[in-house]
Amino acid sequence: MWADAPTYEAIHVKNKENEAAWAAYKKATFKFNVTAMYHTIPEPRQKCIIEEFSYMAYEGTIDLKKPEVALQYFEECTSRVNGFN
C-alpha cells in the first residue's frame, strides 16, 4: 500500500490520493500480504481486507513466490501493548 493512517477509511482515502505511485504497477505480477502486530487477523477478515483494495484494479497475475510487487497491509493493535484487551 502507499498509505499510512489510523483507520481503515483513512487508509483508503490516502491510498487513492497516491494512485500515481501504484498505478504504474497495475500489470505487474503481485501478491498481497496481510499482517498484524499484537493480534491475529482471521483468514476471512484478511480476505475482506484484500478485497477492499479492489479499486486498485491490478491486472497482473498473482504470483506468491516471486512477484514483481508485494503489497503489504499491516495492522497494529496498540490497545494490547499496555495489557488492554
PDB file of N, CA and C in Angstrom:
ATOM      1  N   MET A   1       0.830  -1.162   0.000  1.00  0.00           N
ATOM      2  CA  MET A   1       0.000   0.000   0.000  1.00  0.00           C
ATOM      3  C   MET A   1       0.888   1.243   0.000  1.00  0.00           C
ATOM      4  N   TRP A   2       0.304   2.306  -0.404  1.00  0.00           N
ATOM      5  CA  TRP A   2       1.027   3.574  -0.449  1.00  0.00           C
ATOM      6  C   TRP A   2       0.350   4.564   0.496  1.00  0.00           C
ATOM      7  N   ALA A   3       0.055   4.096   1.717  1.00  0.00           N
ATOM      8  CA  ALA A   3      -0.635   4.945   2.678  1.00  0.00           C
ATOM      9  C   ALA A   3      -0.383   4.444   4.094  1.00  0.00           C
ATOM     10  N   ASP A   4      -0.492   5.369   5.015  1.00  0.00           N
ATOM     11  CA  ASP A   4      -0.365   5.076   6.443  1.00  0.00           C
ATOM     12  C   ASP A   4      -1.417   5.934   7.136  1.00  0.00           C
ATOM     13  N   ALA A   5      -2.291   5.295   7.905  1.00  0.00           N
ATOM     14  CA  ALA A   5      -3.367   6.046   8.545  1.00  0.00           C
ATOM     15  C   ALA A   5      -3.905   5.265   9.746  1.00  0.00           C
ATOM     16  N   PRO A   6      -4.590   5.956  10.655  1.00  0.00           N
ATOM     17  CA  PRO A   6      -5.083   5.297  11.866  1.00  0.00           C
ATOM     18  C   PRO A   6      -6.383   4.515  11.705  1.00  0.00           C
ATOM     19  N   THR A   7      -7.091   4.657  10.572  1.00  0.00           N
ATOM     20  CA  THR A   7      -8.351   3.940  10.384  1.00  0.00           C
ATOM     21  C   THR A   7      -8.399   3.324   8.985  1.00  0.00           C
ATOM     22  N   TYR A   8      -9.285   2.333   8.827  1.00  0.00           N
ATOM     23  CA  TYR A   8      -9.472   1.715   7.514  1.00  0.00           C
ATOM     24  C   TYR A   8      -9.885   2.757   6.479  1.00  0.00           C
ATOM     25  N   GLU A   9     -10.840   3.596   6.867  1.00  0.00           N
ATOM     26  CA  GLU A   9     -11.353   4.596   5.937  1.00  0.00           C
ATOM     27  C   GLU A   9     -10.247   5.548   5.484  1.00  0.00           C
ATOM     28  N   ALA A  10      -9.431   5.988   6.420  1.00  0.00           N
ATOM     29  CA  ALA A  10      -8.347   6.919   6.088  1.00  0.00           C
ATOM     30  C   ALA A  10      -7.278   6.261   5.224  1.00  0.00           C
ATOM     31  N   ILE A  11      -7.032   4.974   5.439  1.00  0.00           N
ATOM     32  CA  ILE A  11      -6.068   4.243   4.594  1.00  0.00           C
ATOM     33  C   ILE A  11      -6.512   4.314   3.137  1.00  0.00           C
ATOM     34  N   HIS A  12      -7.775   4.052   2.903  1.00  0.00           N
ATOM     35  CA  HIS A  12      -8.279   4.038   1.526  1.00  0.00           C
ATOM     36  C   HIS A  12      -8.264   5.435   0.909  1.00  0.00           C
ATOM     37  N   VAL A  13      -8.615   6.434   1.682  1.00  0.00           N
ATOM     38  CA  VAL A  13      -8.570   7.811   1.167  1.00  0.00           C
ATOM     39  C   VAL A  13      -7.142   8.158   0.756  1.00  0.00           C
ATOM     40  N   LYS A  14      -6.184   7.909   1.651  1.00  0.00           N
ATOM     41  CA  LYS A  14      -4.790   8.233   1.344  1.00  0.00           C
ATOM     42  C   LYS A  14      -4.243   7.401   0.194  1.00  0.00           C
ATOM     43  N   ASN A  15      -4.595   6.119   0.178  1.00  0.00           N
ATOM     44  CA  ASN A  15      -4.105   5.254  -0.888  1.00  0.00           C
ATOM     45  C   ASN A  15      -4.627   5.730  -2.249  1.00  0.00           C
ATOM     46  N   LYS A  16      -5.888   6.115  -2.313  1.00  0.00           N
ATOM     47  CA  LYS A  16      -6.454   6.627  -3.560  1.00  0.00           C
ATOM     48  C   LYS A  16      -5.779   7.933  -3.977  1.00  0.00           C
ATOM     49  N   GLU A  17      -5.437   8.766  -2.999  1.00  0.00           N
ATOM     50  CA  GLU A  17      -4.736  10.017  -3.297  1.00  0.00           C
ATOM     51  C   GLU A  17      -3.343   9.755  -3.879  1.00  0.00           C
ATOM     52  N   ASN A  18      -2.759   8.604  -3.551  1.00  0.00           N
ATOM     53  CA  ASN A  18      -1.416   8.249  -4.012  1.00  0.00           C
ATOM     54  C   ASN A  18      -1.445   7.331  -5.236  1.00  0.00           C
ATOM     55  N   GLU A  19      -2.517   7.373  -5.993  1.00  0.00           N
ATOM     56  CA  GLU A  19      -2.652   6.473  -7.145  1.00  0.00           C
ATOM     57  C   GLU A  19      -1.473   6.568  -8.111  1.00  0.00           C
ATOM     58  N   ALA A  20      -0.909   7.722  -8.274  1.00  0.00           N
ATOM     59  CA  ALA A  20       0.229   7.865  -9.200  1.00  0.00           C
ATOM     60  C   ALA A  20       1.396   6.962  -8.792  1.00  0.00           C
ATOM     61  N   ALA A  21       1.526   6.681  -7.505  1.00  0.00           N
ATOM     62  CA  ALA A  21       2.629   5.838  -7.019  1.00  0.00           C
ATOM     63  C   ALA A  21       2.416   4.366  -7.362  1.00  0.00           C
ATOM     64  N   TRP A  22       1.184   3.890  -7.352  1.00  0.00           N
ATOM     65  CA  TRP A  22       0.942   2.465  -7.589  1.00  0.00           C
ATOM     66  C   TRP A  22       0.358   2.129  -8.952  1.00  0.00           C
ATOM     67  N   ALA A  23      -0.143   3.109  -9.670  1.00  0.00           N
ATOM     68  CA  ALA A  23      -0.774   2.838 -10.961  1.00  0.00           C
ATOM     69  C   ALA A  23       0.205   2.238 -11.973  1.00  0.00           C
ATOM     70  N   ALA A  24       1.467   2.587 -11.867  1.00  0.00           N
ATOM     71  CA  ALA A  24       2.472   2.078 -12.807  1.00  0.00           C
ATOM     72  C   ALA A  24       2.673   0.566 -12.686  1.00  0.00           C
ATOM     73  N   TYR A  25       2.228  -0.029 -11.590  1.00  0.00           N
ATOM     74  CA  TYR A  25       2.430  -1.458 -11.347  1.00  0.00           C
ATOM     75  C   TYR A  25       1.190  -2.304 -11.646  1.00  0.00           C
ATOM     76  N   LYS A  26       0.176  -1.730 -12.249  1.00  0.00           N
ATOM     77  CA  LYS A  26      -1.093  -2.435 -12.475  1.00  0.00           C
ATOM     78  C   LYS A  26      -0.954  -3.740 -13.253  1.00  0.00           C
ATOM     79  N   LYS A  27       0.010  -3.832 -14.134  1.00  0.00           N
ATOM     80  CA  LYS A  27       0.164  -5.041 -14.958  1.00  0.00           C
ATOM     81  C   LYS A  27       1.258  -5.974 -14.426  1.00  0.00           C
ATOM     82  N   ALA A  28       1.896  -5.606 -13.332  1.00  0.00           N
ATOM     83  CA  ALA A  28       2.972  -6.419 -12.757  1.00  0.00           C
ATOM     84  C   ALA A  28       2.389  -7.643 -12.038  1.00  0.00           C
ATOM     85  N   THR A  29       3.204  -8.713 -11.926  1.00  0.00           N
ATOM     86  CA  THR A  29       2.792  -9.838 -11.090  1.00  0.00           C
ATOM     87  C   THR A  29       2.805  -9.341  -9.645  1.00  0.00           C
ATOM     88  N   PHE A  30       1.911  -9.874  -8.826  1.00  0.00           N
ATOM     89  CA  PHE A  30       1.805  -9.332  -7.469  1.00  0.00           C
ATOM     90  C   PHE A  30       1.323 -10.376  -6.473  1.00  0.00           C
ATOM     91  N   LYS A  31       1.505 -10.026  -5.221  1.00  0.00           N
ATOM     92  CA  LYS A  31       0.875 -10.758  -4.124  1.00  0.00           C
ATOM     93  C   LYS A  31       0.491  -9.738  -3.072  1.00  0.00           C
ATOM     94  N   PHE A  32      -0.384 -10.130  -2.191  1.00  0.00           N
ATOM     95  CA  PHE A  32      -0.920  -9.234  -1.175  1.00  0.00           C
ATOM     96  C   PHE A  32      -0.725  -9.899   0.182  1.00  0.00           C
ATOM     97  N   ASN A  33      -0.013  -9.254   1.076  1.00  0.00           N
ATOM     98  CA  ASN A  33       0.204  -9.771   2.429  1.00  0.00           C
ATOM     99  C   ASN A  33      -0.623  -8.964   3.422  1.00  0.00           C
ATOM    100  N   VAL A  34      -1.243  -9.649   4.350  1.00  0.00           N
ATOM    101  CA  VAL A  34      -1.986  -9.001   5.431  1.00  0.00           C
ATOM    102  C   VAL A  34      -1.400  -9.512   6.736  1.00  0.00           C
ATOM    103  N   THR A  35      -0.834  -8.603   7.519  1.00  0.00           N
ATOM    104  CA  THR A  35      -0.221  -8.994   8.791  1.00  0.00           C
ATOM    105  C   THR A  35      -0.648  -8.035   9.896  1.00  0.00           C
ATOM    106  N   ALA A  36      -0.379  -8.448  11.126  1.00  0.00           N
ATOM    107  CA  ALA A  36      -0.770  -7.633  12.271  1.00  0.00           C
ATOM    108  C   ALA A  36       0.246  -7.769  13.395  1.00  0.00           C
ATOM    109  N   MET A  37       0.252  -6.769  14.251  1.00  0.00           N
ATOM    110  CA  MET A  37       1.090  -6.801  15.440  1.00  0.00           C
ATOM    111  C   MET A  37       0.176  -6.738  16.661  1.00  0.00           C
ATOM    112  N   TYR A  38       0.442  -7.581  17.623  1.00  0.00           N
ATOM    113  CA  TYR A  38      -0.293  -7.662  18.887  1.00  0.00           C
ATOM    114  C   TYR A  38      -1.668  -8.312  18.761  1.00  0.00           C
ATOM    115  N   HIS A  39      -1.992  -8.844  17.587  1.00  0.00           N
ATOM    116  CA  HIS A  39      -3.217  -9.615  17.421  1.00  0.00           C
ATOM    117  C   HIS A  39      -3.143 -10.390  16.113  1.00  0.00           C
ATOM    118  N   THR A  40      -4.087 -11.277  15.908  1.00  0.00           N
ATOM    119  CA  THR A  40      -4.153 -12.078  14.692  1.00  0.00           C
ATOM    120  C   THR A  40      -5.389 -11.675  13.910  1.00  0.00           C
ATOM    121  N   ILE A  41      -5.215 -11.513  12.615  1.00  0.00           N
ATOM    122  CA  ILE A  41      -6.350 -11.217  11.748  1.00  0.00           C
ATOM    123  C   ILE A  41      -6.821 -12.553  11.167  1.00  0.00           C
ATOM    124  N   PRO A  42      -8.046 -12.965  11.461  1.00  0.00           N
ATOM    125  CA  PRO A  42      -8.550 -14.241  10.943  1.00  0.00           C
ATOM    126  C   PRO A  42      -8.568 -14.241   9.406  1.00  0.00           C
ATOM    127  N   GLU A  43      -8.396 -15.417   8.817  1.00  0.00           N
ATOM    128  CA  GLU A  43      -8.340 -15.525   7.358  1.00  0.00           C
ATOM    129  C   GLU A  43      -9.550 -14.919   6.643  1.00  0.00           C
ATOM    130  N   PRO A  44     -10.778 -15.125   7.127  1.00  0.00           N
ATOM    131  CA  PRO A  44     -11.906 -14.487   6.436  1.00  0.00           C
ATOM    132  C   PRO A  44     -11.790 -12.952   6.420  1.00  0.00           C
ATOM    133  N   ARG A  45     -11.293 -12.386   7.515  1.00  0.00           N
ATOM    134  CA  ARG A  45     -11.110 -10.928   7.568  1.00  0.00           C
ATOM    135  C   ARG A  45      -9.970 -10.498   6.646  1.00  0.00           C
ATOM    136  N   GLN A  46      -8.904 -11.300   6.565  1.00  0.00           N
ATOM    137  CA  GLN A  46      -7.805 -10.986   5.652  1.00  0.00           C
ATOM    138  C   GLN A  46      -8.331 -10.897   4.215  1.00  0.00           C
ATOM    139  N   LYS A  47      -9.165 -11.845   3.850  1.00  0.00           N
ATOM    140  CA  LYS A  47      -9.745 -11.836   2.501  1.00  0.00           C
ATOM    141  C   LYS A  47     -10.559 -10.565   2.277  1.00  0.00           C
ATOM    142  N   CYS A  48     -11.340 -10.171   3.256  1.00  0.00           N
ATOM    143  CA  CYS A  48     -12.135  -8.937   3.145  1.00  0.00           C
ATOM    144  C   CYS A  48     -11.233  -7.719   2.968  1.00  0.00           C
ATOM    145  N   ILE A  49     -10.152  -7.665   3.734  1.00  0.00           N
ATOM    146  CA  ILE A  49      -9.210  -6.542   3.633  1.00  0.00           C
ATOM    147  C   ILE A  49      -8.647  -6.469   2.214  1.00  0.00           C
ATOM    148  N   ILE A  50      -8.213  -7.604   1.697  1.00  0.00           N
ATOM    149  CA  ILE A  50      -7.663  -7.638   0.333  1.00  0.00           C
ATOM    150  C   ILE A  50      -8.709  -7.164  -0.672  1.00  0.00           C
ATOM    151  N   GLU A  51      -9.918  -7.651  -0.542  1.00  0.00           N
ATOM    152  CA  GLU A  51     -10.981  -7.283  -1.480  1.00  0.00           C
ATOM    153  C   GLU A  51     -11.347  -5.806  -1.391  1.00  0.00           C
ATOM    154  N   GLU A  52     -11.142  -5.187  -0.234  1.00  0.00           N
ATOM    155  CA  GLU A  52     -11.431  -3.757  -0.088  1.00  0.00           C
ATOM    156  C   GLU A  52     -10.501  -2.890  -0.932  1.00  0.00           C
ATOM    157  N   PHE A  53      -9.386  -3.461  -1.373  1.00  0.00           N
ATOM    158  CA  PHE A  53      -8.447  -2.733  -2.227  1.00  0.00           C
ATOM    159  C   PHE A  53      -8.685  -3.031  -3.707  1.00  0.00           C
ATOM    160  N   SER A  54      -9.820  -3.598  -4.044  1.00  0.00           N
ATOM    161  CA  SER A  54     -10.107  -3.963  -5.441  1.00  0.00           C
ATOM    162  C   SER A  54     -10.109  -2.755  -6.369  1.00  0.00           C
ATOM    163  N   TYR A  55     -10.339  -1.568  -5.844  1.00  0.00           N
ATOM    164  CA  TYR A  55     -10.313  -0.359  -6.676  1.00  0.00           C
ATOM    165  C   TYR A  55      -8.936  -0.129  -7.309  1.00  0.00           C
ATOM    166  N   MET A  56      -7.895  -0.793  -6.784  1.00  0.00           N
ATOM    167  CA  MET A  56      -6.566  -0.655  -7.380  1.00  0.00           C
ATOM    168  C   MET A  56      -6.495  -1.379  -8.716  1.00  0.00           C
ATOM    169  N   ALA A  57      -7.397  -2.303  -8.943  1.00  0.00           N
ATOM    170  CA  ALA A  57      -7.586  -2.981 -10.225  1.00  0.00           C
ATOM    171  C   ALA A  57      -6.295  -3.526 -10.844  1.00  0.00           C
ATOM    172  N   TYR A  58      -5.560  -4.267 -10.063  1.00  0.00           N
ATOM    173  CA  TYR A  58      -4.350  -4.896 -10.609  1.00  0.00           C
ATOM    174  C   TYR A  58      -4.745  -5.909 -11.668  1.00  0.00           C
ATOM    175  N   GLU A  59      -4.041  -5.884 -12.797  1.00  0.00           N
ATOM    176  CA  GLU A  59      -4.346  -6.752 -13.925  1.00  0.00           C
ATOM    177  C   GLU A  59      -3.318  -7.864 -14.084  1.00  0.00           C
ATOM    178  N   GLY A  60      -2.214  -7.773 -13.367  1.00  0.00           N
ATOM    179  CA  GLY A  60      -1.173  -8.790 -13.468  1.00  0.00           C
ATOM    180  C   GLY A  60      -1.589 -10.084 -12.804  1.00  0.00           C
ATOM    181  N   THR A  61      -0.799 -11.099 -13.027  1.00  0.00           N
ATOM    182  CA  THR A  61      -1.037 -12.417 -12.453  1.00  0.00           C
ATOM    183  C   THR A  61      -0.619 -12.431 -10.988  1.00  0.00           C
ATOM    184  N   ILE A  62      -1.360 -13.135 -10.170  1.00  0.00           N
ATOM    185  CA  ILE A  62      -0.970 -13.334  -8.778  1.00  0.00           C
ATOM    186  C   ILE A  62       0.190 -14.324  -8.768  1.00  0.00           C
ATOM    187  N   ASP A  63       1.270 -13.943  -8.092  1.00  0.00           N
ATOM    188  CA  ASP A  63       2.469 -14.795  -8.010  1.00  0.00           C
ATOM    189  C   ASP A  63       2.938 -14.771  -6.567  1.00  0.00           C
ATOM    190  N   LEU A  64       2.682 -15.841  -5.836  1.00  0.00           N
ATOM    191  CA  LEU A  64       3.007 -15.878  -4.413  1.00  0.00           C
ATOM    192  C   LEU A  64       4.478 -16.131  -4.125  1.00  0.00           C
ATOM    193  N   LYS A  65       5.234 -16.607  -5.103  1.00  0.00           N
ATOM    194  CA  LYS A  65       6.648 -16.933  -4.864  1.00  0.00           C
ATOM    195  C   LYS A  65       7.603 -15.819  -5.264  1.00  0.00           C
ATOM    196  N   LYS A  66       7.450 -15.275  -6.467  1.00  0.00           N
ATOM    197  CA  LYS A  66       8.361 -14.238  -6.953  1.00  0.00           C
ATOM    198  C   LYS A  66       7.596 -13.117  -7.642  1.00  0.00           C
ATOM    199  N   PRO A  67       6.765 -12.401  -6.894  1.00  0.00           N
ATOM    200  CA  PRO A  67       6.002 -11.322  -7.524  1.00  0.00           C
ATOM    201  C   PRO A  67       6.894 -10.121  -7.824  1.00  0.00           C
ATOM    202  N   GLU A  68       6.518  -9.377  -8.828  1.00  0.00           N
ATOM    203  CA  GLU A  68       7.222  -8.126  -9.104  1.00  0.00           C
ATOM    204  C   GLU A  68       6.860  -7.073  -8.056  1.00  0.00           C
ATOM    205  N   VAL A  69       5.657  -7.174  -7.513  1.00  0.00           N
ATOM    206  CA  VAL A  69       5.187  -6.235  -6.492  1.00  0.00           C
ATOM    207  C   VAL A  69       4.554  -7.019  -5.347  1.00  0.00           C
ATOM    208  N   ALA A  70       4.963  -6.718  -4.130  1.00  0.00           N
ATOM    209  CA  ALA A  70       4.340  -7.311  -2.938  1.00  0.00           C
ATOM    210  C   ALA A  70       3.637  -6.186  -2.181  1.00  0.00           C
ATOM    211  N   LEU A  71       2.332  -6.249  -2.136  1.00  0.00           N
ATOM    212  CA  LEU A  71       1.542  -5.252  -1.434  1.00  0.00           C
ATOM    213  C   LEU A  71       1.408  -5.694   0.017  1.00  0.00           C
ATOM    214  N   GLN A  72       1.662  -4.798   0.932  1.00  0.00           N
ATOM    215  CA  GLN A  72       1.660  -5.149   2.348  1.00  0.00           C
ATOM    216  C   GLN A  72       0.632  -4.314   3.100  1.00  0.00           C
ATOM    217  N   TYR A  73      -0.281  -4.994   3.770  1.00  0.00           N
ATOM    218  CA  TYR A  73      -1.217  -4.338   4.675  1.00  0.00           C
ATOM    219  C   TYR A  73      -0.802  -4.755   6.073  1.00  0.00           C
ATOM    220  N   PHE A  74      -0.487  -3.779   6.921  1.00  0.00           N
ATOM    221  CA  PHE A  74      -0.025  -4.064   8.275  1.00  0.00           C
ATOM    222  C   PHE A  74      -0.929  -3.334   9.255  1.00  0.00           C
ATOM    223  N   GLU A  75      -1.401  -4.067  10.239  1.00  0.00           N
ATOM    224  CA  GLU A  75      -2.322  -3.516  11.220  1.00  0.00           C
ATOM    225  C   GLU A  75      -1.725  -3.681  12.612  1.00  0.00           C
ATOM    226  N   GLU A  76      -1.753  -2.617  13.394  1.00  0.00           N
ATOM    227  CA  GLU A  76      -1.232  -2.665  14.756  1.00  0.00           C
ATOM    228  C   GLU A  76      -2.368  -2.406  15.733  1.00  0.00           C
ATOM    229  N   CYS A  77      -2.458  -3.227  16.744  1.00  0.00           N
ATOM    230  CA  CYS A  77      -3.481  -3.069  17.774  1.00  0.00           C
ATOM    231  C   CYS A  77      -2.793  -2.567  19.039  1.00  0.00           C
ATOM    232  N   THR A  78      -2.686  -1.263  19.164  1.00  0.00           N
ATOM    233  CA  THR A  78      -1.926  -0.680  20.273  1.00  0.00           C
ATOM    234  C   THR A  78      -2.605  -0.851  21.620  1.00  0.00           C
ATOM    235  N   SER A  79      -3.908  -1.120  21.646  1.00  0.00           N
ATOM    236  CA  SER A  79      -4.589  -1.292  22.932  1.00  0.00           C
ATOM    237  C   SER A  79      -4.068  -2.510  23.682  1.00  0.00           C
ATOM    238  N   ARG A  80      -3.498  -3.471  22.977  1.00  0.00           N
ATOM    239  CA  ARG A  80      -2.977  -4.673  23.627  1.00  0.00           C
ATOM    240  C   ARG A  80      -1.533  -4.500  24.108  1.00  0.00           C
ATOM    241  N   VAL A  81      -0.871  -3.476  23.649  1.00  0.00           N
ATOM    242  CA  VAL A  81       0.512  -3.226  24.065  1.00  0.00           C
ATOM    243  C   VAL A  81       0.573  -2.977  25.565  1.00  0.00           C
ATOM    244  N   ASN A  82      -0.386  -2.261  26.100  1.00  0.00           N
ATOM    245  CA  ASN A  82      -0.404  -1.913  27.506  1.00  0.00           C
ATOM    246  C   ASN A  82      -1.216  -2.888  28.355  1.00  0.00           C
ATOM    247  N   GLY A  83      -1.490  -4.063  27.805  1.00  0.00           N
ATOM    248  CA  GLY A  83      -2.212  -5.072  28.565  1.00  0.00           C
ATOM    249  C   GLY A  83      -3.711  -4.984  28.472  1.00  0.00           C
ATOM    250  N   PHE A  84      -4.244  -4.090  27.659  1.00  0.00           N
ATOM    251  CA  PHE A  84      -5.696  -3.986  27.493  1.00  0.00           C
ATOM    252  C   PHE A  84      -6.147  -4.913  26.380  1.00  0.00           C
ATOM    253  N   ASN A  85      -7.268  -5.533  26.549  1.00  0.00           N
ATOM    254  CA  ASN A  85      -7.816  -6.420  25.507  1.00  0.00           C
ATOM    255  C   ASN A  85      -9.157  -5.910  25.040  1.00  0.00           C
TER     256      ASN A  85
END
